[in-house]
Amino acid sequence: HPHITTDYSESQLELITGVHATPETCLEELLRVHQFTMRALG
C-alpha cells in the first residue's frame, strides 16, 4: 500500500503522504489517510 503500512510492529501503523508543494496540502492528505484508517479500526 502506498500510504498505509506498518513500521516495526504489526500493531504500529505508518501513514505516508505523497510529495507536496505546500504544508497545507501535505497535512490535508495526512488527514484523509487518518480518516480512512480510523474508520477501519473498529
PDB file of all heavy atoms in Angstrom:
ATOM      1  N   HIS A   1       0.846  -1.203   0.000  1.00  0.00           N
ATOM      2  CA  HIS A   1       0.000   0.000   0.000  1.00  0.00           C
ATOM      3  C   HIS A   1       0.880   1.253   0.000  1.00  0.00           C
ATOM      4  O   HIS A   1       1.816   1.355   0.789  1.00  0.00           O
ATOM      5  CB  HIS A   1      -0.918   0.008   1.231  1.00  0.00           C
ATOM      6  CG  HIS A   1      -2.075   0.946   1.094  1.00  0.00           C
ATOM      7  ND1 HIS A   1      -1.926   2.306   0.994  1.00  0.00           N
ATOM      8  CD2 HIS A   1      -3.417   0.714   1.040  1.00  0.00           C
ATOM      9  CE1 HIS A   1      -3.115   2.879   0.884  1.00  0.00           C
ATOM     10  NE2 HIS A   1      -4.037   1.928   0.901  1.00  0.00           N
ATOM     11  N   PRO A   2       0.602   2.221  -0.886  1.00  0.00           N
ATOM     12  CA  PRO A   2       1.474   3.404  -0.965  1.00  0.00           C
ATOM     13  C   PRO A   2       1.351   4.362   0.223  1.00  0.00           C
ATOM     14  O   PRO A   2       2.259   5.158   0.458  1.00  0.00           O
ATOM     15  CB  PRO A   2       1.013   4.097  -2.258  1.00  0.00           C
ATOM     16  CG  PRO A   2      -0.393   3.612  -2.486  1.00  0.00           C
ATOM     17  CD  PRO A   2      -0.459   2.230  -1.916  1.00  0.00           C
ATOM     18  N   HIS A   3       0.245   4.299   0.968  1.00  0.00           N
ATOM     19  CA  HIS A   3       0.022   5.289   2.030  1.00  0.00           C
ATOM     20  C   HIS A   3      -0.163   4.696   3.424  1.00  0.00           C
ATOM     21  O   HIS A   3      -0.080   5.430   4.420  1.00  0.00           O
ATOM     22  CB  HIS A   3      -1.212   6.148   1.716  1.00  0.00           C
ATOM     23  CG  HIS A   3      -1.087   6.917   0.445  1.00  0.00           C
ATOM     24  ND1 HIS A   3      -0.176   7.930   0.266  1.00  0.00           N
ATOM     25  CD2 HIS A   3      -1.748   6.804  -0.738  1.00  0.00           C
ATOM     26  CE1 HIS A   3      -0.280   8.422  -0.949  1.00  0.00           C
ATOM     27  NE2 HIS A   3      -1.217   7.747  -1.587  1.00  0.00           N
ATOM     28  N   ILE A   4      -0.451   3.397   3.520  1.00  0.00           N
ATOM     29  CA  ILE A   4      -0.738   2.792   4.830  1.00  0.00           C
ATOM     30  C   ILE A   4       0.068   1.507   4.957  1.00  0.00           C
ATOM     31  O   ILE A   4      -0.181   0.528   4.251  1.00  0.00           O
ATOM     32  CB  ILE A   4      -2.244   2.479   4.989  1.00  0.00           C
ATOM     33  CG1 ILE A   4      -3.085   3.750   4.777  1.00  0.00           C
ATOM     34  CG2 ILE A   4      -2.510   1.892   6.374  1.00  0.00           C
ATOM     35  CD1 ILE A   4      -4.584   3.483   4.645  1.00  0.00           C
ATOM     36  N   THR A   5       1.033   1.516   5.856  1.00  0.00           N
ATOM     37  CA  THR A   5       1.840   0.316   6.073  1.00  0.00           C
ATOM     38  C   THR A   5       2.047   0.140   7.575  1.00  0.00           C
ATOM     39  O   THR A   5       1.343   0.738   8.379  1.00  0.00           O
ATOM     40  CB  THR A   5       3.169   0.410   5.294  1.00  0.00           C
ATOM     41  OG1 THR A   5       3.909  -0.794   5.481  1.00  0.00           O
ATOM     42  CG2 THR A   5       4.014   1.581   5.722  1.00  0.00           C
ATOM     43  N   THR A   6       2.974  -0.730   7.942  1.00  0.00           N
ATOM     44  CA  THR A   6       3.341  -0.871   9.352  1.00  0.00           C
ATOM     45  C   THR A   6       4.833  -0.605   9.467  1.00  0.00           C
ATOM     46  O   THR A   6       5.586  -0.799   8.512  1.00  0.00           O
ATOM     47  CB  THR A   6       3.033  -2.289   9.883  1.00  0.00           C
ATOM     48  OG1 THR A   6       3.621  -3.250   9.004  1.00  0.00           O
ATOM     49  CG2 THR A   6       1.541  -2.523   9.976  1.00  0.00           C
ATOM     50  N   ASP A   7       5.248  -0.154  10.637  1.00  0.00           N
ATOM     51  CA  ASP A   7       6.672   0.094  10.839  1.00  0.00           C
ATOM     52  C   ASP A   7       7.289  -1.150  11.459  1.00  0.00           C
ATOM     53  O   ASP A   7       7.385  -2.183  10.812  1.00  0.00           O
ATOM     54  CB  ASP A   7       6.881   1.345  11.688  1.00  0.00           C
ATOM     55  CG  ASP A   7       8.339   1.787  11.659  1.00  0.00           C
ATOM     56  OD1 ASP A   7       8.780   2.367  10.649  1.00  0.00           O
ATOM     57  OD2 ASP A   7       9.054   1.498  12.628  1.00  0.00           O
ATOM     58  N   TYR A   8       7.670  -1.115  12.723  1.00  0.00           N
ATOM     59  CA  TYR A   8       8.313  -2.302  13.293  1.00  0.00           C
ATOM     60  C   TYR A   8       7.295  -3.395  13.593  1.00  0.00           C
ATOM     61  O   TYR A   8       7.435  -4.551  13.207  1.00  0.00           O
ATOM     62  CB  TYR A   8       9.058  -1.944  14.583  1.00  0.00           C
ATOM     63  CG  TYR A   8       9.609  -3.180  15.258  1.00  0.00           C
ATOM     64  CD1 TYR A   8      10.735  -3.803  14.739  1.00  0.00           C
ATOM     65  CD2 TYR A   8       8.963  -3.767  16.347  1.00  0.00           C
ATOM     66  CE1 TYR A   8      11.218  -4.973  15.300  1.00  0.00           C
ATOM     67  CE2 TYR A   8       9.448  -4.929  16.917  1.00  0.00           C
ATOM     68  CZ  TYR A   8      10.574  -5.526  16.394  1.00  0.00           C
ATOM     69  OH  TYR A   8      11.037  -6.680  16.948  1.00  0.00           O
ATOM     70  N   SER A   9       6.267  -2.993  14.327  1.00  0.00           N
ATOM     71  CA  SER A   9       5.316  -3.981  14.846  1.00  0.00           C
ATOM     72  C   SER A   9       4.096  -4.101  13.949  1.00  0.00           C
ATOM     73  O   SER A   9       3.715  -3.154  13.259  1.00  0.00           O
ATOM     74  CB  SER A   9       4.871  -3.559  16.257  1.00  0.00           C
ATOM     75  OG  SER A   9       3.832  -4.390  16.733  1.00  0.00           O
ATOM     76  N   GLU A  10       3.474  -5.260  13.989  1.00  0.00           N
ATOM     77  CA  GLU A  10       2.179  -5.453  13.334  1.00  0.00           C
ATOM     78  C   GLU A  10       1.170  -4.433  13.876  1.00  0.00           C
ATOM     79  O   GLU A  10       0.235  -4.048  13.184  1.00  0.00           O
ATOM     80  CB  GLU A  10       1.698  -6.890  13.596  1.00  0.00           C
ATOM     81  CG  GLU A  10       0.444  -7.291  12.864  1.00  0.00           C
ATOM     82  CD  GLU A  10       0.641  -7.541  11.368  1.00  0.00           C
ATOM     83  OE1 GLU A  10       1.752  -7.344  10.847  1.00  0.00           O
ATOM     84  OE2 GLU A  10      -0.339  -7.937  10.717  1.00  0.00           O
ATOM     85  N   SER A  11       1.390  -3.985  15.109  1.00  0.00           N
ATOM     86  CA  SER A  11       0.475  -3.043  15.761  1.00  0.00           C
ATOM     87  C   SER A  11       0.875  -1.589  15.550  1.00  0.00           C
ATOM     88  O   SER A  11       0.272  -0.697  16.142  1.00  0.00           O
ATOM     89  CB  SER A  11       0.445  -3.310  17.272  1.00  0.00           C
ATOM     90  OG  SER A  11       0.375  -4.685  17.545  1.00  0.00           O
ATOM     91  N   GLN A  12       1.907  -1.338  14.747  1.00  0.00           N
ATOM     92  CA  GLN A  12       2.429   0.031  14.584  1.00  0.00           C
ATOM     93  C   GLN A  12       2.177   0.504  13.157  1.00  0.00           C
ATOM     94  O   GLN A  12       2.897   0.171  12.238  1.00  0.00           O
ATOM     95  CB  GLN A  12       3.921   0.060  14.899  1.00  0.00           C
ATOM     96  CG  GLN A  12       4.518   1.455  14.954  1.00  0.00           C
ATOM     97  CD  GLN A  12       5.973   1.404  15.393  1.00  0.00           C
ATOM     98  OE1 GLN A  12       6.696   0.463  15.056  1.00  0.00           O
ATOM     99  NE2 GLN A  12       6.409   2.392  16.150  1.00  0.00           N
ATOM    100  N   LEU A  13       1.129   1.293  13.001  1.00  0.00           N
ATOM    101  CA  LEU A  13       0.793   1.813  11.682  1.00  0.00           C
ATOM    102  C   LEU A  13       1.762   2.902  11.259  1.00  0.00           C
ATOM    103  O   LEU A  13       2.267   3.659  12.092  1.00  0.00           O
ATOM    104  CB  LEU A  13      -0.630   2.396  11.701  1.00  0.00           C
ATOM    105  CG  LEU A  13      -1.775   1.376  11.700  1.00  0.00           C
ATOM    106  CD1 LEU A  13      -3.092   2.072  11.981  1.00  0.00           C
ATOM    107  CD2 LEU A  13      -1.836   0.646  10.363  1.00  0.00           C
ATOM    108  N   GLU A  14       2.017   2.970   9.965  1.00  0.00           N
ATOM    109  CA  GLU A  14       2.773   4.083   9.400  1.00  0.00           C
ATOM    110  C   GLU A  14       1.952   4.665   8.261  1.00  0.00           C
ATOM    111  O   GLU A  14       1.616   3.964   7.305  1.00  0.00           O
ATOM    112  CB  GLU A  14       4.153   3.632   8.895  1.00  0.00           C
ATOM    113  CG  GLU A  14       4.981   4.794   8.395  1.00  0.00           C
ATOM    114  CD  GLU A  14       6.412   4.409   8.027  1.00  0.00           C
ATOM    115  OE1 GLU A  14       6.868   3.329   8.443  1.00  0.00           O
ATOM    116  OE2 GLU A  14       7.062   5.189   7.328  1.00  0.00           O
ATOM    117  N   LEU A  15       1.598   5.936   8.397  1.00  0.00           N
ATOM    118  CA  LEU A  15       0.760   6.620   7.419  1.00  0.00           C
ATOM    119  C   LEU A  15       1.635   7.593   6.633  1.00  0.00           C
ATOM    120  O   LEU A  15       2.388   8.380   7.218  1.00  0.00           O
ATOM    121  CB  LEU A  15      -0.379   7.357   8.134  1.00  0.00           C
ATOM    122  CG  LEU A  15      -1.206   6.486   9.096  1.00  0.00           C
ATOM    123  CD1 LEU A  15      -2.335   7.288   9.721  1.00  0.00           C
ATOM    124  CD2 LEU A  15      -1.761   5.244   8.402  1.00  0.00           C
ATOM    125  N   ILE A  16       1.545   7.528   5.309  1.00  0.00           N
ATOM    126  CA  ILE A  16       2.527   8.183   4.435  1.00  0.00           C
ATOM    127  C   ILE A  16       1.824   9.089   3.429  1.00  0.00           C
ATOM    128  O   ILE A  16       0.887   8.664   2.754  1.00  0.00           O
ATOM    129  CB  ILE A  16       3.342   7.110   3.668  1.00  0.00           C
ATOM    130  CG1 ILE A  16       4.025   6.150   4.649  1.00  0.00           C
ATOM    131  CG2 ILE A  16       4.361   7.750   2.740  1.00  0.00           C
ATOM    132  CD1 ILE A  16       4.495   4.851   4.014  1.00  0.00           C
ATOM    133  N   THR A  17       2.308  10.328   3.317  1.00  0.00           N
ATOM    134  CA  THR A  17       1.776  11.217   2.282  1.00  0.00           C
ATOM    135  C   THR A  17       2.643  11.125   1.029  1.00  0.00           C
ATOM    136  O   THR A  17       3.760  10.612   1.068  1.00  0.00           O
ATOM    137  CB  THR A  17       1.769  12.690   2.731  1.00  0.00           C
ATOM    138  OG1 THR A  17       3.122  13.189   2.722  1.00  0.00           O
ATOM    139  CG2 THR A  17       1.165  12.866   4.112  1.00  0.00           C
ATOM    140  N   GLY A  18       2.131  11.675  -0.045  1.00  0.00           N
ATOM    141  CA  GLY A  18       2.959  11.877  -1.228  1.00  0.00           C
ATOM    142  C   GLY A  18       3.822  13.121  -1.042  1.00  0.00           C
ATOM    143  O   GLY A  18       3.970  13.634   0.071  1.00  0.00           O
ATOM    144  N   VAL A  19       4.381  13.611  -2.141  1.00  0.00           N
ATOM    145  CA  VAL A  19       5.244  14.802  -2.123  1.00  0.00           C
ATOM    146  C   VAL A  19       4.381  16.029  -2.391  1.00  0.00           C
ATOM    147  O   VAL A  19       3.566  16.027  -3.321  1.00  0.00           O
ATOM    148  CB  VAL A  19       6.342  14.676  -3.198  1.00  0.00           C
ATOM    149  CG1 VAL A  19       7.245  15.891  -3.191  1.00  0.00           C
ATOM    150  CG2 VAL A  19       7.149  13.396  -2.971  1.00  0.00           C
ATOM    151  N   HIS A  20       4.564  17.085  -1.588  1.00  0.00           N
ATOM    152  CA  HIS A  20       3.655  18.245  -1.669  1.00  0.00           C
ATOM    153  C   HIS A  20       4.392  19.571  -1.809  1.00  0.00           C
ATOM    154  O   HIS A  20       5.485  19.759  -1.276  1.00  0.00           O
ATOM    155  CB  HIS A  20       2.765  18.292  -0.426  1.00  0.00           C
ATOM    156  CG  HIS A  20       1.733  17.211  -0.413  1.00  0.00           C
ATOM    157  ND1 HIS A  20       0.483  17.371  -0.967  1.00  0.00           N
ATOM    158  CD2 HIS A  20       1.771  15.939   0.046  1.00  0.00           C
ATOM    159  CE1 HIS A  20      -0.208  16.242  -0.841  1.00  0.00           C
ATOM    160  NE2 HIS A  20       0.558  15.358  -0.233  1.00  0.00           N
ATOM    161  N   ALA A  21       3.717  20.500  -2.496  1.00  0.00           N
ATOM    162  CA  ALA A  21       4.277  21.832  -2.727  1.00  0.00           C
ATOM    163  C   ALA A  21       4.030  22.770  -1.560  1.00  0.00           C
ATOM    164  O   ALA A  21       4.702  23.791  -1.438  1.00  0.00           O
ATOM    165  CB  ALA A  21       3.684  22.429  -4.005  1.00  0.00           C
ATOM    166  N   THR A  22       3.046  22.454  -0.687  1.00  0.00           N
ATOM    167  CA  THR A  22       2.771  23.316   0.471  1.00  0.00           C
ATOM    168  C   THR A  22       2.530  22.464   1.714  1.00  0.00           C
ATOM    169  O   THR A  22       2.083  21.315   1.616  1.00  0.00           O
ATOM    170  CB  THR A  22       1.517  24.192   0.263  1.00  0.00           C
ATOM    171  OG1 THR A  22       0.353  23.341   0.266  1.00  0.00           O
ATOM    172  CG2 THR A  22       1.575  24.975  -1.037  1.00  0.00           C
ATOM    173  N   PRO A  23       2.801  23.038   2.900  1.00  0.00           N
ATOM    174  CA  PRO A  23       2.475  22.327   4.145  1.00  0.00           C
ATOM    175  C   PRO A  23       0.987  21.998   4.232  1.00  0.00           C
ATOM    176  O   PRO A  23       0.607  20.936   4.737  1.00  0.00           O
ATOM    177  CB  PRO A  23       2.877  23.331   5.232  1.00  0.00           C
ATOM    178  CG  PRO A  23       3.947  24.168   4.617  1.00  0.00           C
ATOM    179  CD  PRO A  23       3.537  24.301   3.171  1.00  0.00           C
ATOM    180  N   GLU A  24       0.134  22.915   3.728  1.00  0.00           N
ATOM    181  CA  GLU A  24      -1.316  22.712   3.857  1.00  0.00           C
ATOM    182  C   GLU A  24      -1.782  21.471   3.108  1.00  0.00           C
ATOM    183  O   GLU A  24      -2.526  20.649   3.652  1.00  0.00           O
ATOM    184  CB  GLU A  24      -2.076  23.948   3.338  1.00  0.00           C
ATOM    185  CG  GLU A  24      -1.925  25.187   4.191  1.00  0.00           C
ATOM    186  CD  GLU A  24      -0.564  25.870   4.057  1.00  0.00           C
ATOM    187  OE1 GLU A  24       0.154  25.633   3.058  1.00  0.00           O
ATOM    188  OE2 GLU A  24      -0.218  26.649   4.966  1.00  0.00           O
ATOM    189  N   THR A  25      -1.346  21.328   1.836  1.00  0.00           N
ATOM    190  CA  THR A  25      -1.803  20.159   1.069  1.00  0.00           C
ATOM    191  C   THR A  25      -1.223  18.872   1.639  1.00  0.00           C
ATOM    192  O   THR A  25      -1.861  17.820   1.615  1.00  0.00           O
ATOM    193  CB  THR A  25      -1.448  20.282  -0.426  1.00  0.00           C
ATOM    194  OG1 THR A  25      -0.028  20.425  -0.558  1.00  0.00           O
ATOM    195  CG2 THR A  25      -2.154  21.463  -1.063  1.00  0.00           C
ATOM    196  N   CYS A  26      -0.011  18.959   2.195  1.00  0.00           N
ATOM    197  CA  CYS A  26       0.611  17.794   2.825  1.00  0.00           C
ATOM    198  C   CYS A  26      -0.234  17.321   4.012  1.00  0.00           C
ATOM    199  O   CYS A  26      -0.540  16.132   4.157  1.00  0.00           O
ATOM    200  CB  CYS A  26       2.026  18.166   3.280  1.00  0.00           C
ATOM    201  SG  CYS A  26       3.004  16.777   3.855  1.00  0.00           S
ATOM    202  N   LEU A  27      -0.655  18.276   4.849  1.00  0.00           N
ATOM    203  CA  LEU A  27      -1.456  17.924   6.028  1.00  0.00           C
ATOM    204  C   LEU A  27      -2.873  17.505   5.642  1.00  0.00           C
ATOM    205  O   LEU A  27      -3.477  16.665   6.322  1.00  0.00           O
ATOM    206  CB  LEU A  27      -1.490  19.096   7.008  1.00  0.00           C
ATOM    207  CG  LEU A  27      -0.183  19.318   7.773  1.00  0.00           C
ATOM    208  CD1 LEU A  27      -0.272  20.570   8.642  1.00  0.00           C
ATOM    209  CD2 LEU A  27       0.168  18.109   8.644  1.00  0.00           C
ATOM    210  N   GLU A  28      -3.402  18.077   4.550  1.00  0.00           N
ATOM    211  CA  GLU A  28      -4.728  17.649   4.084  1.00  0.00           C
ATOM    212  C   GLU A  28      -4.698  16.169   3.709  1.00  0.00           C
ATOM    213  O   GLU A  28      -5.616  15.410   4.040  1.00  0.00           O
ATOM    214  CB  GLU A  28      -5.158  18.472   2.861  1.00  0.00           C
ATOM    215  CG  GLU A  28      -5.757  19.821   3.211  1.00  0.00           C
ATOM    216  CD  GLU A  28      -5.853  20.725   1.983  1.00  0.00           C
ATOM    217  OE1 GLU A  28      -5.918  20.183   0.839  1.00  0.00           O
ATOM    218  OE2 GLU A  28      -5.838  21.955   2.163  1.00  0.00           O
ATOM    219  N   GLU A  29      -3.635  15.761   3.004  1.00  0.00           N
ATOM    220  CA  GLU A  29      -3.546  14.348   2.634  1.00  0.00           C
ATOM    221  C   GLU A  29      -3.362  13.473   3.867  1.00  0.00           C
ATOM    222  O   GLU A  29      -3.994  12.423   4.002  1.00  0.00           O
ATOM    223  CB  GLU A  29      -2.402  14.090   1.647  1.00  0.00           C
ATOM    224  CG  GLU A  29      -2.390  12.630   1.220  1.00  0.00           C
ATOM    225  CD  GLU A  29      -1.316  12.271   0.214  1.00  0.00           C
ATOM    226  OE1 GLU A  29      -0.326  13.009   0.074  1.00  0.00           O
ATOM    227  OE2 GLU A  29      -1.471  11.201  -0.418  1.00  0.00           O
ATOM    228  N   LEU A  30      -2.504  13.914   4.794  1.00  0.00           N
ATOM    229  CA  LEU A  30      -2.304  13.148   6.028  1.00  0.00           C
ATOM    230  C   LEU A  30      -3.628  12.988   6.778  1.00  0.00           C
ATOM    231  O   LEU A  30      -3.923  11.915   7.312  1.00  0.00           O
ATOM    232  CB  LEU A  30      -1.262  13.847   6.909  1.00  0.00           C
ATOM    233  CG  LEU A  30      -0.818  13.084   8.157  1.00  0.00           C
ATOM    234  CD1 LEU A  30      -0.107  11.777   7.798  1.00  0.00           C
ATOM    235  CD2 LEU A  30       0.095  13.952   9.029  1.00  0.00           C
ATOM    236  N   LEU A  31      -4.425  14.040   6.796  1.00  0.00           N
ATOM    237  CA  LEU A  31      -5.733  13.981   7.463  1.00  0.00           C
ATOM    238  C   LEU A  31      -6.640  12.952   6.787  1.00  0.00           C
ATOM    239  O   LEU A  31      -7.281  12.138   7.467  1.00  0.00           O
ATOM    240  CB  LEU A  31      -6.391  15.366   7.438  1.00  0.00           C
ATOM    241  CG  LEU A  31      -7.815  15.434   8.000  1.00  0.00           C
ATOM    242  CD1 LEU A  31      -7.826  15.101   9.487  1.00  0.00           C
ATOM    243  CD2 LEU A  31      -8.426  16.815   7.759  1.00  0.00           C
ATOM    244  N   ARG A  32      -6.670  12.958   5.451  1.00  0.00           N
ATOM    245  CA  ARG A  32      -7.545  11.997   4.743  1.00  0.00           C
ATOM    246  C   ARG A  32      -7.107  10.555   5.007  1.00  0.00           C
ATOM    247  O   ARG A  32      -7.945   9.670   5.185  1.00  0.00           O
ATOM    248  CB  ARG A  32      -7.559  12.301   3.243  1.00  0.00           C
ATOM    249  CG  ARG A  32      -8.377  13.527   2.878  1.00  0.00           C
ATOM    250  CD  ARG A  32      -8.682  13.587   1.390  1.00  0.00           C
ATOM    251  NE  ARG A  32      -7.483  13.720   0.578  1.00  0.00           N
ATOM    252  CZ  ARG A  32      -6.882  14.875   0.306  1.00  0.00           C
ATOM    253  NH1 ARG A  32      -7.390  16.001   0.764  1.00  0.00           N
ATOM    254  NH2 ARG A  32      -5.800  14.911  -0.451  1.00  0.00           N
ATOM    255  N   VAL A  33      -5.797  10.311   5.022  1.00  0.00           N
ATOM    256  CA  VAL A  33      -5.309   8.951   5.312  1.00  0.00           C
ATOM    257  C   VAL A  33      -5.740   8.554   6.728  1.00  0.00           C
ATOM    258  O   VAL A  33      -6.154   7.409   6.963  1.00  0.00           O
ATOM    259  CB  VAL A  33      -3.773   8.864   5.150  1.00  0.00           C
ATOM    260  CG1 VAL A  33      -3.302   7.446   5.455  1.00  0.00           C
ATOM    261  CG2 VAL A  33      -3.344   9.244   3.737  1.00  0.00           C
ATOM    262  N   HIS A  34      -5.656   9.499   7.663  1.00  0.00           N
ATOM    263  CA  HIS A  34      -6.110   9.221   9.038  1.00  0.00           C
ATOM    264  C   HIS A  34      -7.605   8.904   9.077  1.00  0.00           C
ATOM    265  O   HIS A  34      -8.024   7.987   9.791  1.00  0.00           O
ATOM    266  CB  HIS A  34      -5.851  10.441   9.935  1.00  0.00           C
ATOM    267  CG  HIS A  34      -4.498  10.464  10.560  1.00  0.00           C
ATOM    268  ND1 HIS A  34      -3.382  10.897   9.890  1.00  0.00           N
ATOM    269  CD2 HIS A  34      -4.064  10.105  11.796  1.00  0.00           C
ATOM    270  CE1 HIS A  34      -2.331  10.817  10.688  1.00  0.00           C
ATOM    271  NE2 HIS A  34      -2.714  10.332  11.839  1.00  0.00           N
ATOM    272  N   GLN A  35      -8.384   9.690   8.344  1.00  0.00           N
ATOM    273  CA  GLN A  35      -9.836   9.472   8.381  1.00  0.00           C
ATOM    274  C   GLN A  35     -10.205   8.071   7.886  1.00  0.00           C
ATOM    275  O   GLN A  35     -11.020   7.382   8.497  1.00  0.00           O
ATOM    276  CB  GLN A  35     -10.541  10.532   7.533  1.00  0.00           C
ATOM    277  CG  GLN A  35     -10.540  11.913   8.171  1.00  0.00           C
ATOM    278  CD  GLN A  35     -11.252  12.922   7.286  1.00  0.00           C
ATOM    279  OE1 GLN A  35     -10.681  13.446   6.338  1.00  0.00           O
ATOM    280  NE2 GLN A  35     -12.516  13.180   7.570  1.00  0.00           N
ATOM    281  N   PHE A  36      -9.588   7.666   6.780  1.00  0.00           N
ATOM    282  CA  PHE A  36      -9.880   6.337   6.255  1.00  0.00           C
ATOM    283  C   PHE A  36      -9.417   5.261   7.237  1.00  0.00           C
ATOM    284  O   PHE A  36     -10.143   4.297   7.526  1.00  0.00           O
ATOM    285  CB  PHE A  36      -9.196   6.132   4.901  1.00  0.00           C
ATOM    286  CG  PHE A  36      -9.371   4.741   4.360  1.00  0.00           C
ATOM    287  CD1 PHE A  36     -10.577   4.340   3.810  1.00  0.00           C
ATOM    288  CD2 PHE A  36      -8.331   3.808   4.422  1.00  0.00           C
ATOM    289  CE1 PHE A  36     -10.745   3.043   3.326  1.00  0.00           C
ATOM    290  CE2 PHE A  36      -8.492   2.520   3.943  1.00  0.00           C
ATOM    291  CZ  PHE A  36      -9.705   2.134   3.387  1.00  0.00           C
ATOM    292  N   THR A  37      -8.202   5.446   7.773  1.00  0.00           N
ATOM    293  CA  THR A  37      -7.633   4.458   8.700  1.00  0.00           C
ATOM    294  C   THR A  37      -8.505   4.310   9.937  1.00  0.00           C
ATOM    295  O   THR A  37      -8.800   3.197  10.381  1.00  0.00           O
ATOM    296  CB  THR A  37      -6.202   4.877   9.088  1.00  0.00           C
ATOM    297  OG1 THR A  37      -5.403   4.961   7.911  1.00  0.00           O
ATOM    298  CG2 THR A  37      -5.575   3.883  10.060  1.00  0.00           C
ATOM    299  N   MET A  38      -8.915   5.438  10.499  1.00  0.00           N
ATOM    300  CA  MET A  38      -9.709   5.405  11.736  1.00  0.00           C
ATOM    301  C   MET A  38     -11.015   4.654  11.533  1.00  0.00           C
ATOM    302  O   MET A  38     -11.481   3.946  12.419  1.00  0.00           O
ATOM    303  CB  MET A  38      -9.981   6.844  12.188  1.00  0.00           C
ATOM    304  CG  MET A  38     -10.224   6.987  13.661  1.00  0.00           C
ATOM    305  SD  MET A  38      -8.860   6.401  14.706  1.00  0.00           S
ATOM    306  CE  MET A  38      -7.858   7.859  14.847  1.00  0.00           C
ATOM    307  N   ARG A  39     -11.596   4.781  10.337  1.00  0.00           N
ATOM    308  CA  ARG A  39     -12.862   4.083  10.062  1.00  0.00           C
ATOM    309  C   ARG A  39     -12.675   2.570   9.996  1.00  0.00           C
ATOM    310  O   ARG A  39     -13.635   1.819  10.091  1.00  0.00           O
ATOM    311  CB  ARG A  39     -13.457   4.606   8.743  1.00  0.00           C
ATOM    312  CG  ARG A  39     -14.140   5.939   8.901  1.00  0.00           C
ATOM    313  CD  ARG A  39     -14.386   6.664   7.573  1.00  0.00           C
ATOM    314  NE  ARG A  39     -15.338   7.760   7.754  1.00  0.00           N
ATOM    315  CZ  ARG A  39     -15.050   8.903   8.380  1.00  0.00           C
ATOM    316  NH1 ARG A  39     -13.849   9.091   8.889  1.00  0.00           N
ATOM    317  NH2 ARG A  39     -15.965   9.849   8.525  1.00  0.00           N
ATOM    318  N   ALA A  40     -11.439   2.125   9.799  1.00  0.00           N
ATOM    319  CA  ALA A  40     -11.167   0.681   9.682  1.00  0.00           C
ATOM    320  C   ALA A  40     -10.756   0.059  11.015  1.00  0.00           C
ATOM    321  O   ALA A  40     -10.560  -1.154  11.100  1.00  0.00           O
ATOM    322  CB  ALA A  40     -10.070   0.448   8.647  1.00  0.00           C
ATOM    323  N   LEU A  41     -10.608   0.880  12.061  1.00  0.00           N
ATOM    324  CA  LEU A  41     -10.026   0.369  13.315  1.00  0.00           C
ATOM    325  C   LEU A  41     -11.035  -0.232  14.283  1.00  0.00           C
ATOM    326  O   LEU A  41     -10.642  -0.831  15.283  1.00  0.00           O
ATOM    327  CB  LEU A  41      -9.255   1.494  14.037  1.00  0.00           C
ATOM    328  CG  LEU A  41      -7.956   1.952  13.380  1.00  0.00           C
ATOM    329  CD1 LEU A  41      -7.206   2.908  14.305  1.00  0.00           C
ATOM    330  CD2 LEU A  41      -7.055   0.784  13.011  1.00  0.00           C
ATOM    331  N   GLY A  42     -12.324  -0.059  14.028  1.00  0.00           N
ATOM    332  CA  GLY A  42     -13.314  -0.639  14.948  1.00  0.00           C
ATOM    333  C   GLY A  42     -13.166  -0.052  16.338  1.00  0.00           C
ATOM    334  O   GLY A  42     -13.165   1.168  16.521  1.00  0.00           O
TER     335      GLY A  42
END
